[in-house]
Protein backbone atom coordinates (compact mmCIF):
# COMPACT_ATOMS: atom_id res chain seq x y z
CA UNK A 1 109.13 102.23 103.10
CA UNK A 2 107.89 101.45 99.60
CA UNK A 3 109.33 104.64 98.12
CA UNK A 4 112.69 104.02 99.78
CA UNK A 5 112.68 100.40 98.62
CA UNK A 6 111.95 101.44 95.03
CA UNK A 7 114.56 104.23 95.04
CA UNK A 8 117.24 101.90 96.42
CA UNK A 9 116.62 99.52 93.53
CA UNK A 10 116.72 102.17 90.84
CA UNK A 11 113.04 102.41 89.98
CA UNK A 12 112.00 105.67 88.33
CA UNK A 13 108.44 105.78 89.67
CA UNK A 14 105.86 104.05 91.84
CA UNK A 15 102.27 103.68 90.62
CA UNK A 16 99.17 102.67 92.55
CA UNK A 17 95.40 102.81 92.46
CA UNK A 18 92.66 103.44 95.01
CA UNK A 19 88.92 103.92 94.87
CA UNK A 20 87.03 107.18 95.04
CA UNK A 21 85.68 106.32 98.50
CA UNK A 22 89.11 105.85 100.09
CA UNK A 23 89.63 109.53 100.81
CA UNK A 24 92.16 108.95 103.60
CA UNK A 25 94.30 106.90 101.20
CA UNK A 26 94.09 109.63 98.56
CA UNK A 27 95.28 112.22 101.09
CA UNK A 28 98.10 109.96 102.25
CA UNK A 29 99.35 109.34 98.70
CA UNK A 30 99.11 113.00 97.71
CA UNK A 31 100.95 113.97 100.90
CA UNK A 32 103.78 111.60 99.92
CA UNK A 33 104.22 113.21 96.51
CA UNK A 34 101.92 111.07 94.38
CA UNK A 35 99.80 112.85 91.81
CA UNK A 36 96.64 111.58 90.20
CA UNK A 37 97.31 110.59 86.61
CA UNK A 38 94.01 109.02 85.58
CA UNK A 39 90.73 107.40 86.45
CA UNK A 40 88.93 104.27 85.34
CA UNK A 41 85.88 102.19 86.19
CA UNK A 42 86.27 98.67 87.60
CA UNK A 43 83.33 97.20 85.68
CA UNK A 44 80.18 97.99 83.73
CA UNK A 45 78.31 98.25 87.03
CA UNK A 46 81.00 100.60 88.32
CA UNK A 47 80.47 102.75 85.24
CA UNK A 48 76.70 102.79 85.75
CA UNK A 49 77.19 103.80 89.40
CA UNK A 50 79.97 106.28 88.53
CA UNK A 51 82.32 104.41 90.88
CA UNK A 52 85.80 105.50 89.90
CA UNK A 53 89.24 104.09 90.51
CA UNK A 54 91.95 106.77 90.78
CA UNK A 55 95.45 106.04 89.48
CA UNK A 56 98.46 107.72 91.10
CA UNK A 57 102.14 108.03 90.20
CA UNK A 58 105.14 109.23 92.19
CA UNK A 59 108.28 110.09 90.24
CA UNK A 60 111.39 109.03 92.14
CA UNK A 61 114.00 110.82 90.06
CA UNK A 62 117.39 109.35 89.31
CA UNK A 63 118.20 108.40 92.90
CA UNK A 64 120.88 111.03 93.42
């Protein structure tokens, strides 16, 4: 739904983030054409615990 909504309104891409422990979400996003484009840490504690946030992007093309 989100990808269709964005395409219909002329957006070029959809971006989102999820945590390293949400493996089912990662698989879902990758299965829908998202690719991981980066990682970050939510806080100093997250850095100390090596708790990563994964950033994803799905290119939508020009809508044609």
